[in-house]
């Protein structure tokens, strides 16, 4: 049996409930495919997509924004940065998502859910090229940054420019180099053109959150790392930053103008980091974590563990506003 026939049979088995999604992904990984690629194969199934949409429709639907009081979270691995383009560490990515959002994000069932996009691109809608060389993203209208500035196509294009600028030293640069250019169709549509056929177009603008151009444009290039500790996070996310002490605590308050109706539920969020990171016996400090992504160090021309020197010097403490 050919590989294509085997894959089609396995997808049908998932559709009919004979094979779990987890088993499907694990089998394909054993065959040499990546987990995102396996998830993409499932996402392309109309039957599974419809089932996922039906399952989401049965979820709890809130009737108003807020009202949940304060959510307190103890996080064992202490975040040190709140900048989506300067860390690949899970602790920092997790904390940053309170404030910054991508165009779409992976859902628990292996599909993708649009966030800043109004819909997911697809072959059926003509927003994905049959040869995999381009994809069109339609952006959600009415979205504003935390300072009230509208979110537009210019912000999407800027994030690509910011990440691929060699002088910026972004840890996300390598992935975005796959993009040859981005065309602005209108204020809320962009056409992402790839240098070669790209089977997994969901790998772009679906991981780290997006930065606002009007806030970070002046920092693109050689001064980007030094500016990390000088600019308070301004995103589109459900929460606004109140206080950030690297390696210690993050406090956030509800974004009253969040673009998703009746969300979020909690009025405030406090993430308290494990005292392990402030214990002198661990030889760790709030501005230097022993598990920092080594890619960031290489991007700044350094070796060894810990974030780039410029980041360690400018990681910043945002006191309670």
C-alpha atoms as a PDB file:
ATOM      1  CA  UNK A   1       0.000   0.000   0.000  1.00  0.00           C
ATOM      2  CA  UNK A   2       1.367   3.447  -0.941  1.00  0.00           C
ATOM      3  CA  UNK A   3       2.154   6.066   1.690  1.00  0.00           C
ATOM      4  CA  UNK A   4      -0.668   8.281   0.405  1.00  0.00           C
ATOM      5  CA  UNK A   5      -3.229   5.488   0.705  1.00  0.00           C
ATOM      6  CA  UNK A   6      -1.980   4.647   4.175  1.00  0.00           C
ATOM      7  CA  UNK A   7      -2.362   8.265   5.300  1.00  0.00           C
ATOM      8  CA  UNK A   8      -5.857   8.530   3.833  1.00  0.00           C
ATOM      9  CA  UNK A   9      -6.885   5.315   5.581  1.00  0.00           C
ATOM     10  CA  UNK A  10      -5.525   6.580   8.899  1.00  0.00           C
ATOM     11  CA  UNK A  11      -7.347   9.910   8.543  1.00  0.00           C
ATOM     12  CA  UNK A  12     -10.596   8.050   7.824  1.00  0.00           C
ATOM     13  CA  UNK A  13      -9.990   5.969  10.947  1.00  0.00           C
ATOM     14  CA  UNK A  14      -9.662   9.174  12.980  1.00  0.00           C
ATOM     15  CA  UNK A  15     -12.837  10.555  11.419  1.00  0.00           C
ATOM     16  CA  UNK A  16     -14.735   7.383  12.336  1.00  0.00           C
ATOM     17  CA  UNK A  17     -13.334   7.211  15.840  1.00  0.00           C
ATOM     18  CA  UNK A  18     -11.299   4.067  15.245  1.00  0.00           C
ATOM     19  CA  UNK A  19      -8.006   5.871  15.815  1.00  0.00           C
ATOM     20  CA  UNK A  20      -7.325   8.645  18.317  1.00  0.00           C
ATOM     21  CA  UNK A  21      -5.679  11.904  17.275  1.00  0.00           C
ATOM     22  CA  UNK A  22      -2.829  11.205  19.663  1.00  0.00           C
ATOM     23  CA  UNK A  23      -2.179   7.780  18.127  1.00  0.00           C
ATOM     24  CA  UNK A  24      -2.327   9.311  14.632  1.00  0.00           C
ATOM     25  CA  UNK A  25       0.266  11.961  15.501  1.00  0.00           C
ATOM     26  CA  UNK A  26       2.522   9.474  17.291  1.00  0.00           C
ATOM     27  CA  UNK A  27       2.397   7.089  14.324  1.00  0.00           C
ATOM     28  CA  UNK A  28       3.341   9.809  11.854  1.00  0.00           C
ATOM     29  CA  UNK A  29       6.154  11.018  14.094  1.00  0.00           C
ATOM     30  CA  UNK A  30       7.494   7.453  14.104  1.00  0.00           C
ATOM     31  CA  UNK A  31       7.417   7.626  10.302  1.00  0.00           C
ATOM     32  CA  UNK A  32       9.600  10.747  10.364  1.00  0.00           C
ATOM     33  CA  UNK A  33       6.967  13.501  10.126  1.00  0.00           C
ATOM     34  CA  UNK A  34       6.758  16.333  12.627  1.00  0.00           C
ATOM     35  CA  UNK A  35       3.845  16.775  15.022  1.00  0.00           C
ATOM     36  CA  UNK A  36       2.767  20.086  13.374  1.00  0.00           C
ATOM     37  CA  UNK A  37       2.684  18.365   9.981  1.00  0.00           C
ATOM     38  CA  UNK A  38       0.551  15.566  11.383  1.00  0.00           C
ATOM     39  CA  UNK A  39      -1.803  18.121  12.915  1.00  0.00           C
ATOM     40  CA  UNK A  40      -2.048  19.886   9.569  1.00  0.00           C
ATOM     41  CA  UNK A  41      -3.150  16.673   7.864  1.00  0.00           C
ATOM     42  CA  UNK A  42      -5.966  16.348  10.378  1.00  0.00           C
ATOM     43  CA  UNK A  43      -6.870  20.022  10.072  1.00  0.00           C
ATOM     44  CA  UNK A  44      -7.363  19.536   6.316  1.00  0.00           C
ATOM     45  CA  UNK A  45     -10.173  17.033   6.952  1.00  0.00           C
ATOM     46  CA  UNK A  46     -13.576  18.776   6.577  1.00  0.00           C
ATOM     47  CA  UNK A  47     -15.241  16.169   8.798  1.00  0.00           C
ATOM     48  CA  UNK A  48     -12.791  16.725  11.656  1.00  0.00           C
ATOM     49  CA  UNK A  49     -12.955  20.505  11.274  1.00  0.00           C
ATOM     50  CA  UNK A  50     -16.748  20.403  11.499  1.00  0.00           C
ATOM     51  CA  UNK A  51     -16.566  18.150  14.543  1.00  0.00           C
ATOM     52  CA  UNK A  52     -14.140  20.538  16.261  1.00  0.00           C
ATOM     53  CA  UNK A  53     -16.408  23.508  15.540  1.00  0.00           C
ATOM     54  CA  UNK A  54     -19.400  21.604  16.959  1.00  0.00           C
ATOM     55  CA  UNK A  55     -17.446  20.712  20.087  1.00  0.00           C
ATOM     56  CA  UNK A  56     -16.478  24.352  20.602  1.00  0.00           C
ATOM     57  CA  UNK A  57     -20.115  25.378  20.222  1.00  0.00           C
ATOM     58  CA  UNK A  58     -21.019  23.156  23.179  1.00  0.00           C
ATOM     59  CA  UNK A  59     -18.406  24.787  25.428  1.00  0.00           C
ATOM     60  CA  UNK A  60     -19.418  27.153  28.203  1.00  0.00           C
ATOM     61  CA  UNK A  61     -20.354  30.541  26.750  1.00  0.00           C
ATOM     62  CA  UNK A  62     -19.790  33.458  29.168  1.00  0.00           C
ATOM     63  CA  UNK A  63     -22.424  36.182  29.292  1.00  0.00           C
ATOM     64  CA  UNK A  64     -20.210  39.035  30.432  1.00  0.00           C
ATOM     65  CA  UNK A  65     -16.592  40.094  30.649  1.00  0.00           C
ATOM     66  CA  UNK A  66     -14.868  39.795  34.004  1.00  0.00           C
ATOM     67  CA  UNK A  67     -16.419  39.041  37.346  1.00  0.00           C
ATOM     68  CA  UNK A  68     -14.093  36.168  38.193  1.00  0.00           C
ATOM     69  CA  UNK A  69     -11.968  38.072  40.696  1.00  0.00           C
ATOM     70  CA  UNK A  70      -8.244  37.425  40.859  1.00  0.00           C
ATOM     71  CA  UNK A  71      -6.495  34.354  39.483  1.00  0.00           C
ATOM     72  CA  UNK A  72      -3.254  33.498  41.267  1.00  0.00           C
ATOM     73  CA  UNK A  73      -0.790  31.173  39.576  1.00  0.00           C
ATOM     74  CA  UNK A  74       2.439  29.718  40.971  1.00  0.00           C
ATOM     75  CA  UNK A  75       4.949  29.230  38.165  1.00  0.00           C
ATOM     76  CA  UNK A  76       8.016  27.153  38.935  1.00  0.00           C
ATOM     77  CA  UNK A  77      10.098  28.420  35.979  1.00  0.00           C
ATOM     78  CA  UNK A  78      10.485  32.165  36.308  1.00  0.00           C
ATOM     79  CA  UNK A  79       9.785  34.371  33.239  1.00  0.00           C
ATOM     80  CA  UNK A  80      12.509  36.908  32.536  1.00  0.00           C
ATOM     81  CA  UNK A  81      11.260  38.524  29.313  1.00  0.00           C
ATOM     82  CA  UNK A  82       7.917  39.694  27.973  1.00  0.00           C
ATOM     83  CA  UNK A  83       8.920  40.057  24.344  1.00  0.00           C
ATOM     84  CA  UNK A  84       7.655  37.535  21.752  1.00  0.00           C
ATOM     85  CA  UNK A  85      10.613  37.916  19.388  1.00  0.00           C
ATOM     86  CA  UNK A  86      13.395  37.497  21.926  1.00  0.00           C
ATOM     87  CA  UNK A  87      12.727  34.203  23.597  1.00  0.00           C
ATOM     88  CA  UNK A  88      11.814  30.660  22.716  1.00  0.00           C
ATOM     89  CA  UNK A  89      11.680  29.605  26.359  1.00  0.00           C
ATOM     90  CA  UNK A  90       8.292  28.206  27.355  1.00  0.00           C
ATOM     91  CA  UNK A  91       8.175  30.248  30.570  1.00  0.00           C
ATOM     92  CA  UNK A  92       8.477  33.549  28.700  1.00  0.00           C
ATOM     93  CA  UNK A  93       6.194  32.553  25.818  1.00  0.00           C
ATOM     94  CA  UNK A  94       3.522  31.467  28.301  1.00  0.00           C
ATOM     95  CA  UNK A  95       3.653  34.727  30.247  1.00  0.00           C
ATOM     96  CA  UNK A  96       3.795  36.884  27.113  1.00  0.00           C
ATOM     97  CA  UNK A  97       0.573  35.391  25.789  1.00  0.00           C
ATOM     98  CA  UNK A  98      -1.333  37.312  28.460  1.00  0.00           C
ATOM     99  CA  UNK A  99      -0.459  40.438  26.504  1.00  0.00           C
ATOM    100  CA  UNK A 100       0.525  39.477  22.947  1.00  0.00           C
ATOM    101  CA  UNK A 101      -1.441  37.369  20.454  1.00  0.00           C
ATOM    102  CA  UNK A 102      -0.670  35.702  17.084  1.00  0.00           C
ATOM    103  CA  UNK A 103      -2.961  35.535  14.057  1.00  0.00           C
ATOM    104  CA  UNK A 104      -3.997  32.010  15.050  1.00  0.00           C
ATOM    105  CA  UNK A 105      -3.034  29.462  17.674  1.00  0.00           C
ATOM    106  CA  UNK A 106      -3.020  25.690  17.999  1.00  0.00           C
ATOM    107  CA  UNK A 107      -6.093  24.192  19.640  1.00  0.00           C
ATOM    108  CA  UNK A 108      -6.033  21.164  21.983  1.00  0.00           C
ATOM    109  CA  UNK A 109      -7.415  18.918  19.231  1.00  0.00           C
ATOM    110  CA  UNK A 110      -4.533  19.655  16.848  1.00  0.00           C
ATOM    111  CA  UNK A 111      -6.388  22.170  14.673  1.00  0.00           C
ATOM    112  CA  UNK A 112      -5.889  25.947  14.657  1.00  0.00           C
ATOM    113  CA  UNK A 113      -8.127  28.666  16.043  1.00  0.00           C
ATOM    114  CA  UNK A 114      -8.072  32.210  14.602  1.00  0.00           C
ATOM    115  CA  UNK A 115      -7.226  34.954  17.098  1.00  0.00           C
ATOM    116  CA  UNK A 116      -6.212  38.155  15.320  1.00  0.00           C
ATOM    117  CA  UNK A 117      -7.317  36.626  12.023  1.00  0.00           C
ATOM    118  CA  UNK A 118     -11.004  36.678  11.147  1.00  0.00           C
ATOM    119  CA  UNK A 119     -10.765  33.185   9.643  1.00  0.00           C
ATOM    120  CA  UNK A 120      -8.243  30.504   8.792  1.00  0.00           C
ATOM    121  CA  UNK A 121      -6.883  30.470   5.226  1.00  0.00           C
ATOM    122  CA  UNK A 122      -7.986  27.487   3.149  1.00  0.00           C
ATOM    123  CA  UNK A 123      -7.874  26.039  -0.343  1.00  0.00           C
ATOM    124  CA  UNK A 124     -11.663  26.090  -0.502  1.00  0.00           C
ATOM    125  CA  UNK A 125     -11.781  29.844   0.095  1.00  0.00           C
ATOM    126  CA  UNK A 126      -8.950  30.526  -2.321  1.00  0.00           C
ATOM    127  CA  UNK A 127      -6.701  31.945   0.369  1.00  0.00           C
ATOM    128  CA  UNK A 128      -4.081  29.187   0.167  1.00  0.00           C
ATOM    129  CA  UNK A 129      -2.153  28.588  -3.049  1.00  0.00           C
ATOM    130  CA  UNK A 130      -2.440  25.104  -4.502  1.00  0.00           C
ATOM    131  CA  UNK A 131       1.340  25.048  -5.001  1.00  0.00           C
ATOM    132  CA  UNK A 132       1.983  26.205  -1.418  1.00  0.00           C
ATOM    133  CA  UNK A 133       3.737  29.418  -2.453  1.00  0.00           C
ATOM    134  CA  UNK A 134       1.423  31.938  -0.788  1.00  0.00           C
ATOM    135  CA  UNK A 135      -1.325  32.301   1.762  1.00  0.00           C
ATOM    136  CA  UNK A 136      -3.746  35.160   2.395  1.00  0.00           C
ATOM    137  CA  UNK A 137      -4.594  36.148   5.941  1.00  0.00           C
ATOM    138  CA  UNK A 138      -7.795  38.109   6.559  1.00  0.00           C
ATOM    139  CA  UNK A 139      -7.467  40.083   9.774  1.00  0.00           C
ATOM    140  CA  UNK A 140     -10.111  40.630  12.385  1.00  0.00           C
ATOM    141  CA  UNK A 141     -11.563  44.124  12.303  1.00  0.00           C
ATOM    142  CA  UNK A 142     -12.217  46.251  15.356  1.00  0.00           C
ATOM    143  CA  UNK A 143      -9.142  44.985  17.219  1.00  0.00           C
ATOM    144  CA  UNK A 144      -7.128  47.606  19.077  1.00  0.00           C
ATOM    145  CA  UNK A 145      -3.818  47.561  20.882  1.00  0.00           C
ATOM    146  CA  UNK A 146      -3.811  48.226  24.614  1.00  0.00           C
ATOM    147  CA  UNK A 147      -3.259  51.932  23.955  1.00  0.00           C
ATOM    148  CA  UNK A 148      -6.305  52.160  21.678  1.00  0.00           C
ATOM    149  CA  UNK A 149      -4.470  52.152  18.340  1.00  0.00           C
ATOM    150  CA  UNK A 150      -6.152  49.961  15.672  1.00  0.00           C
ATOM    151  CA  UNK A 151      -4.510  46.659  14.695  1.00  0.00           C
ATOM    152  CA  UNK A 152      -3.939  46.526  10.918  1.00  0.00           C
ATOM    153  CA  UNK A 153      -2.030  44.772   8.152  1.00  0.00           C
ATOM    154  CA  UNK A 154       0.888  47.146   8.729  1.00  0.00           C
ATOM    155  CA  UNK A 155       1.489  45.498  12.101  1.00  0.00           C
ATOM    156  CA  UNK A 156       1.704  42.031  10.526  1.00  0.00           C
ATOM    157  CA  UNK A 157       4.188  43.209   7.918  1.00  0.00           C
ATOM    158  CA  UNK A 158       6.226  45.007  10.566  1.00  0.00           C
ATOM    159  CA  UNK A 159       6.629  41.844  12.658  1.00  0.00           C
ATOM    160  CA  UNK A 160       8.091  40.033   9.645  1.00  0.00           C
ATOM    161  CA  UNK A 161      10.460  42.953   9.018  1.00  0.00           C
ATOM    162  CA  UNK A 162      11.394  43.131  12.693  1.00  0.00           C
ATOM    163  CA  UNK A 163      12.120  39.408  12.954  1.00  0.00           C
ATOM    164  CA  UNK A 164      14.157  39.133   9.740  1.00  0.00           C
ATOM    165  CA  UNK A 165      16.351  42.177  10.344  1.00  0.00           C
ATOM    166  CA  UNK A 166      19.745  40.633  11.106  1.00  0.00           C
ATOM    167  CA  UNK A 167      20.693  43.587  13.311  1.00  0.00           C
ATOM    168  CA  UNK A 168      17.669  42.961  15.528  1.00  0.00           C
ATOM    169  CA  UNK A 169      18.953  39.520  16.524  1.00  0.00           C
ATOM    170  CA  UNK A 170      15.477  38.028  16.981  1.00  0.00           C
ATOM    171  CA  UNK A 171      15.262  34.343  17.926  1.00  0.00           C
ATOM    172  CA  UNK A 172      12.339  34.022  15.504  1.00  0.00           C
ATOM    173  CA  UNK A 173      14.412  35.196  12.527  1.00  0.00           C
ATOM    174  CA  UNK A 174      15.258  31.777  11.089  1.00  0.00           C
ATOM    175  CA  UNK A 175      11.638  30.790  10.577  1.00  0.00           C
ATOM    176  CA  UNK A 176      10.539  34.061   9.023  1.00  0.00           C
ATOM    177  CA  UNK A 177      13.326  33.920   6.451  1.00  0.00           C
ATOM    178  CA  UNK A 178      11.124  31.409   4.612  1.00  0.00           C
ATOM    179  CA  UNK A 179       8.917  34.370   3.665  1.00  0.00           C
ATOM    180  CA  UNK A 180      10.059  36.151   0.492  1.00  0.00           C
ATOM    181  CA  UNK A 181       7.714  39.133   0.801  1.00  0.00           C
ATOM    182  CA  UNK A 182       4.363  40.204   2.211  1.00  0.00           C
ATOM    183  CA  UNK A 183       1.885  42.153   0.093  1.00  0.00           C
ATOM    184  CA  UNK A 184      -0.622  44.438   1.745  1.00  0.00           C
ATOM    185  CA  UNK A 185      -3.934  43.820  -0.053  1.00  0.00           C
ATOM    186  CA  UNK A 186      -5.828  46.304   2.109  1.00  0.00           C
ATOM    187  CA  UNK A 187      -5.868  47.475   5.714  1.00  0.00           C
ATOM    188  CA  UNK A 188      -6.989  44.032   6.926  1.00  0.00           C
ATOM    189  CA  UNK A 189      -5.606  41.544   4.393  1.00  0.00           C
ATOM    190  CA  UNK A 190      -2.048  40.422   3.718  1.00  0.00           C
ATOM    191  CA  UNK A 191      -0.639  37.996   1.193  1.00  0.00           C
ATOM    192  CA  UNK A 192       2.348  36.074   2.557  1.00  0.00           C
ATOM    193  CA  UNK A 193       4.607  34.902  -0.277  1.00  0.00           C
ATOM    194  CA  UNK A 194       7.096  32.098   0.362  1.00  0.00           C
ATOM    195  CA  UNK A 195      10.424  31.630  -1.373  1.00  0.00           C
ATOM    196  CA  UNK A 196       9.537  28.005  -2.089  1.00  0.00           C
ATOM    197  CA  UNK A 197       6.471  25.779  -1.678  1.00  0.00           C
ATOM    198  CA  UNK A 198       5.527  25.736   1.989  1.00  0.00           C
ATOM    199  CA  UNK A 199       3.445  22.722   3.086  1.00  0.00           C
ATOM    200  CA  UNK A 200       3.042  24.003   6.644  1.00  0.00           C
ATOM    201  CA  UNK A 201       2.055  27.652   6.267  1.00  0.00           C
ATOM    202  CA  UNK A 202       0.568  27.559   9.780  1.00  0.00           C
ATOM    203  CA  UNK A 203       4.102  27.749  11.115  1.00  0.00           C
ATOM    204  CA  UNK A 204       4.118  31.514  10.548  1.00  0.00           C
ATOM    205  CA  UNK A 205       2.315  34.100  12.694  1.00  0.00           C
ATOM    206  CA  UNK A 206       0.797  31.337  14.849  1.00  0.00           C
ATOM    207  CA  UNK A 207       3.379  30.966  17.584  1.00  0.00           C
ATOM    208  CA  UNK A 208       4.765  34.078  19.187  1.00  0.00           C
ATOM    209  CA  UNK A 209       2.509  37.105  19.544  1.00  0.00           C
ATOM    210  CA  UNK A 210       2.633  40.211  17.382  1.00  0.00           C
ATOM    211  CA  UNK A 211       4.162  43.560  18.297  1.00  0.00           C
ATOM    212  CA  UNK A 212       2.524  46.918  17.496  1.00  0.00           C
ATOM    213  CA  UNK A 213       4.424  48.759  14.772  1.00  0.00           C
ATOM    214  CA  UNK A 214       3.744  52.228  16.187  1.00  0.00           C
ATOM    215  CA  UNK A 215       5.392  51.272  19.493  1.00  0.00           C
ATOM    216  CA  UNK A 216       8.347  49.141  18.387  1.00  0.00           C
ATOM    217  CA  UNK A 217       9.243  50.511  14.945  1.00  0.00           C
ATOM    218  CA  UNK A 218      11.856  52.858  16.394  1.00  0.00           C
ATOM    219  CA  UNK A 219      13.581  49.924  18.133  1.00  0.00           C
ATOM    220  CA  UNK A 220      14.002  47.688  15.072  1.00  0.00           C
ATOM    221  CA  UNK A 221      17.624  46.899  14.342  1.00  0.00           C
ATOM    222  CA  UNK A 222      20.712  47.195  16.504  1.00  0.00           C
ATOM    223  CA  UNK A 223      18.901  48.877  19.391  1.00  0.00           C
ATOM    224  CA  UNK A 224      16.115  46.301  19.703  1.00  0.00           C
ATOM    225  CA  UNK A 225      17.635  44.274  22.543  1.00  0.00           C
ATOM    226  CA  UNK A 226      18.592  47.323  24.572  1.00  0.00           C
ATOM    227  CA  UNK A 227      15.013  48.614  24.335  1.00  0.00           C
ATOM    228  CA  UNK A 228      13.441  45.515  25.905  1.00  0.00           C
ATOM    229  CA  UNK A 229      13.453  46.872  29.426  1.00  0.00           C
ATOM    230  CA  UNK A 230      12.380  50.357  28.431  1.00  0.00           C
ATOM    231  CA  UNK A 231       9.053  49.611  26.703  1.00  0.00           C
ATOM    232  CA  UNK A 232       6.103  48.292  28.641  1.00  0.00           C
ATOM    233  CA  UNK A 233       4.267  45.477  26.799  1.00  0.00           C
ATOM    234  CA  UNK A 234       1.512  46.807  24.530  1.00  0.00           C
ATOM    235  CA  UNK A 235      -0.430  44.029  22.873  1.00  0.00           C
ATOM    236  CA  UNK A 236      -3.944  42.982  21.901  1.00  0.00           C
ATOM    237  CA  UNK A 237      -4.260  40.298  24.561  1.00  0.00           C
ATOM    238  CA  UNK A 238      -6.917  39.857  27.266  1.00  0.00           C
ATOM    239  CA  UNK A 239      -4.779  41.486  29.949  1.00  0.00           C
ATOM    240  CA  UNK A 240      -2.733  44.653  30.407  1.00  0.00           C
ATOM    241  CA  UNK A 241       0.500  44.666  32.364  1.00  0.00           C
ATOM    242  CA  UNK A 242       0.396  46.207  35.837  1.00  0.00           C
ATOM    243  CA  UNK A 243       3.728  45.063  37.247  1.00  0.00           C
ATOM    244  CA  UNK A 244       6.585  42.844  36.124  1.00  0.00           C
ATOM    245  CA  UNK A 245       9.595  41.896  38.215  1.00  0.00           C
ATOM    246  CA  UNK A 246      11.673  39.354  36.245  1.00  0.00           C
ATOM    247  CA  UNK A 247      12.058  36.107  38.122  1.00  0.00           C
ATOM    248  CA  UNK A 248       9.595  37.215  40.805  1.00  0.00           C
ATOM    249  CA  UNK A 249       6.071  38.307  39.905  1.00  0.00           C
ATOM    250  CA  UNK A 250       3.775  39.370  37.065  1.00  0.00           C
ATOM    251  CA  UNK A 251       0.565  41.257  37.767  1.00  0.00           C
ATOM    252  CA  UNK A 252      -1.997  42.044  35.097  1.00  0.00           C
ATOM    253  CA  UNK A 253      -5.463  43.576  34.882  1.00  0.00           C
ATOM    254  CA  UNK A 254      -8.340  42.886  32.526  1.00  0.00           C
ATOM    255  CA  UNK A 255      -8.360  44.516  29.091  1.00  0.00           C
ATOM    256  CA  UNK A 256     -11.788  46.161  29.055  1.00  0.00           C
ATOM    257  CA  UNK A 257     -11.603  46.537  25.271  1.00  0.00           C
ATOM    258  CA  UNK A 258     -10.596  42.965  24.461  1.00  0.00           C
ATOM    259  CA  UNK A 259     -11.796  41.943  20.999  1.00  0.00           C
ATOM    260  CA  UNK A 260     -13.402  38.650  22.086  1.00  0.00           C
ATOM    261  CA  UNK A 261     -16.895  39.290  23.514  1.00  0.00           C
ATOM    262  CA  UNK A 262     -17.451  38.514  27.196  1.00  0.00           C
ATOM    263  CA  UNK A 263     -13.852  37.485  27.772  1.00  0.00           C
ATOM    264  CA  UNK A 264     -11.695  37.154  29.794  1.00  0.00           C
ATOM    265  CA  UNK A 265     -13.331  35.827  32.942  1.00  0.00           C
ATOM    266  CA  UNK A 266     -10.805  36.836  35.601  1.00  0.00           C
ATOM    267  CA  UNK A 267     -10.447  40.509  36.504  1.00  0.00           C
ATOM    268  CA  UNK A 268      -6.812  40.249  37.552  1.00  0.00           C
ATOM    269  CA  UNK A 269      -3.998  37.742  37.165  1.00  0.00           C
ATOM    270  CA  UNK A 270      -0.984  37.330  39.405  1.00  0.00           C
ATOM    271  CA  UNK A 271       1.797  34.941  38.433  1.00  0.00           C
ATOM    272  CA  UNK A 272       4.128  34.341  41.331  1.00  0.00           C
ATOM    273  CA  UNK A 273       7.398  32.666  40.452  1.00  0.00           C
ATOM    274  CA  UNK A 274       9.008  29.944  42.515  1.00  0.00           C
ATOM    275  CA  UNK A 275      11.354  31.198  45.268  1.00  0.00           C
ATOM    276  CA  UNK A 276      13.925  28.790  43.779  1.00  0.00           C
ATOM    277  CA  UNK A 277      14.944  31.494  41.349  1.00  0.00           C
ATOM    278  CA  UNK A 278      15.651  34.084  44.023  1.00  0.00           C
ATOM    279  CA  UNK A 279      17.532  31.669  46.295  1.00  0.00           C
ATOM    280  CA  UNK A 280      21.245  32.576  46.277  1.00  0.00           C
ATOM    281  CA  UNK A 281      22.184  28.906  46.655  1.00  0.00           C
ATOM    282  CA  UNK A 282      20.883  28.234  43.123  1.00  0.00           C
ATOM    283  CA  UNK A 283      23.332  30.745  41.656  1.00  0.00           C
ATOM    284  CA  UNK A 284      20.421  32.170  39.663  1.00  0.00           C
ATOM    285  CA  UNK A 285      19.142  35.728  39.559  1.00  0.00           C
ATOM    286  CA  UNK A 286      15.999  37.447  38.301  1.00  0.00           C
ATOM    287  CA  UNK A 287      17.858  38.622  35.216  1.00  0.00           C
ATOM    288  CA  UNK A 288      19.691  35.413  34.417  1.00  0.00           C
ATOM    289  CA  UNK A 289      18.018  32.050  34.273  1.00  0.00           C
ATOM    290  CA  UNK A 290      20.151  28.905  33.882  1.00  0.00           C
ATOM    291  CA  UNK A 291      17.684  27.455  31.371  1.00  0.00           C
ATOM    292  CA  UNK A 292      17.474  30.343  28.911  1.00  0.00           C
ATOM    293  CA  UNK A 293      17.156  29.392  25.253  1.00  0.00           C
ATOM    294  CA  UNK A 294      20.722  29.120  23.839  1.00  0.00           C
ATOM    295  CA  UNK A 295      19.458  30.374  20.459  1.00  0.00           C
ATOM    296  CA  UNK A 296      19.068  33.829  21.989  1.00  0.00           C
ATOM    297  CA  UNK A 297      22.683  33.748  23.130  1.00  0.00           C
ATOM    298  CA  UNK A 298      23.913  32.785  19.663  1.00  0.00           C
ATOM    299  CA  UNK A 299      21.801  35.538  18.112  1.00  0.00           C
ATOM    300  CA  UNK A 300      23.743  38.059  20.178  1.00  0.00           C
ATOM    301  CA  UNK A 301      27.082  36.449  19.412  1.00  0.00           C
ATOM    302  CA  UNK A 302      27.562  34.878  22.829  1.00  0.00           C
ATOM    303  CA  UNK A 303      28.166  31.344  23.995  1.00  0.00           C
ATOM    304  CA  UNK A 304      27.056  29.477  27.061  1.00  0.00           C
ATOM    305  CA  UNK A 305      23.762  29.645  28.923  1.00  0.00           C
ATOM    306  CA  UNK A 306      21.746  32.704  29.814  1.00  0.00           C
ATOM    307  CA  UNK A 307      20.204  35.410  27.639  1.00  0.00           C
ATOM    308  CA  UNK A 308      22.340  37.746  25.496  1.00  0.00           C
ATOM    309  CA  UNK A 309      24.422  40.246  27.435  1.00  0.00           C
ATOM    310  CA  UNK A 310      22.379  43.148  26.121  1.00  0.00           C
ATOM    311  CA  UNK A 311      19.195  41.478  27.325  1.00  0.00           C
ATOM    312  CA  UNK A 312      20.637  40.726  30.746  1.00  0.00           C
ATOM    313  CA  UNK A 313      21.567  44.398  31.096  1.00  0.00           C
ATOM    314  CA  UNK A 314      18.200  45.733  29.919  1.00  0.00           C
ATOM    315  CA  UNK A 315      15.654  43.099  30.876  1.00  0.00           C
ATOM    316  CA  UNK A 316      13.812  45.789  32.802  1.00  0.00           C
ATOM    317  CA  UNK A 317      11.621  45.984  35.863  1.00  0.00           C
ATOM    318  CA  UNK A 318       8.175  47.458  35.287  1.00  0.00           C
ATOM    319  CA  UNK A 319       6.907  48.697  38.667  1.00  0.00           C
ATOM    320  CA  UNK A 320       3.236  48.726  39.535  1.00  0.00           C
ATOM    321  CA  UNK A 321       1.528  51.385  37.426  1.00  0.00           C
END
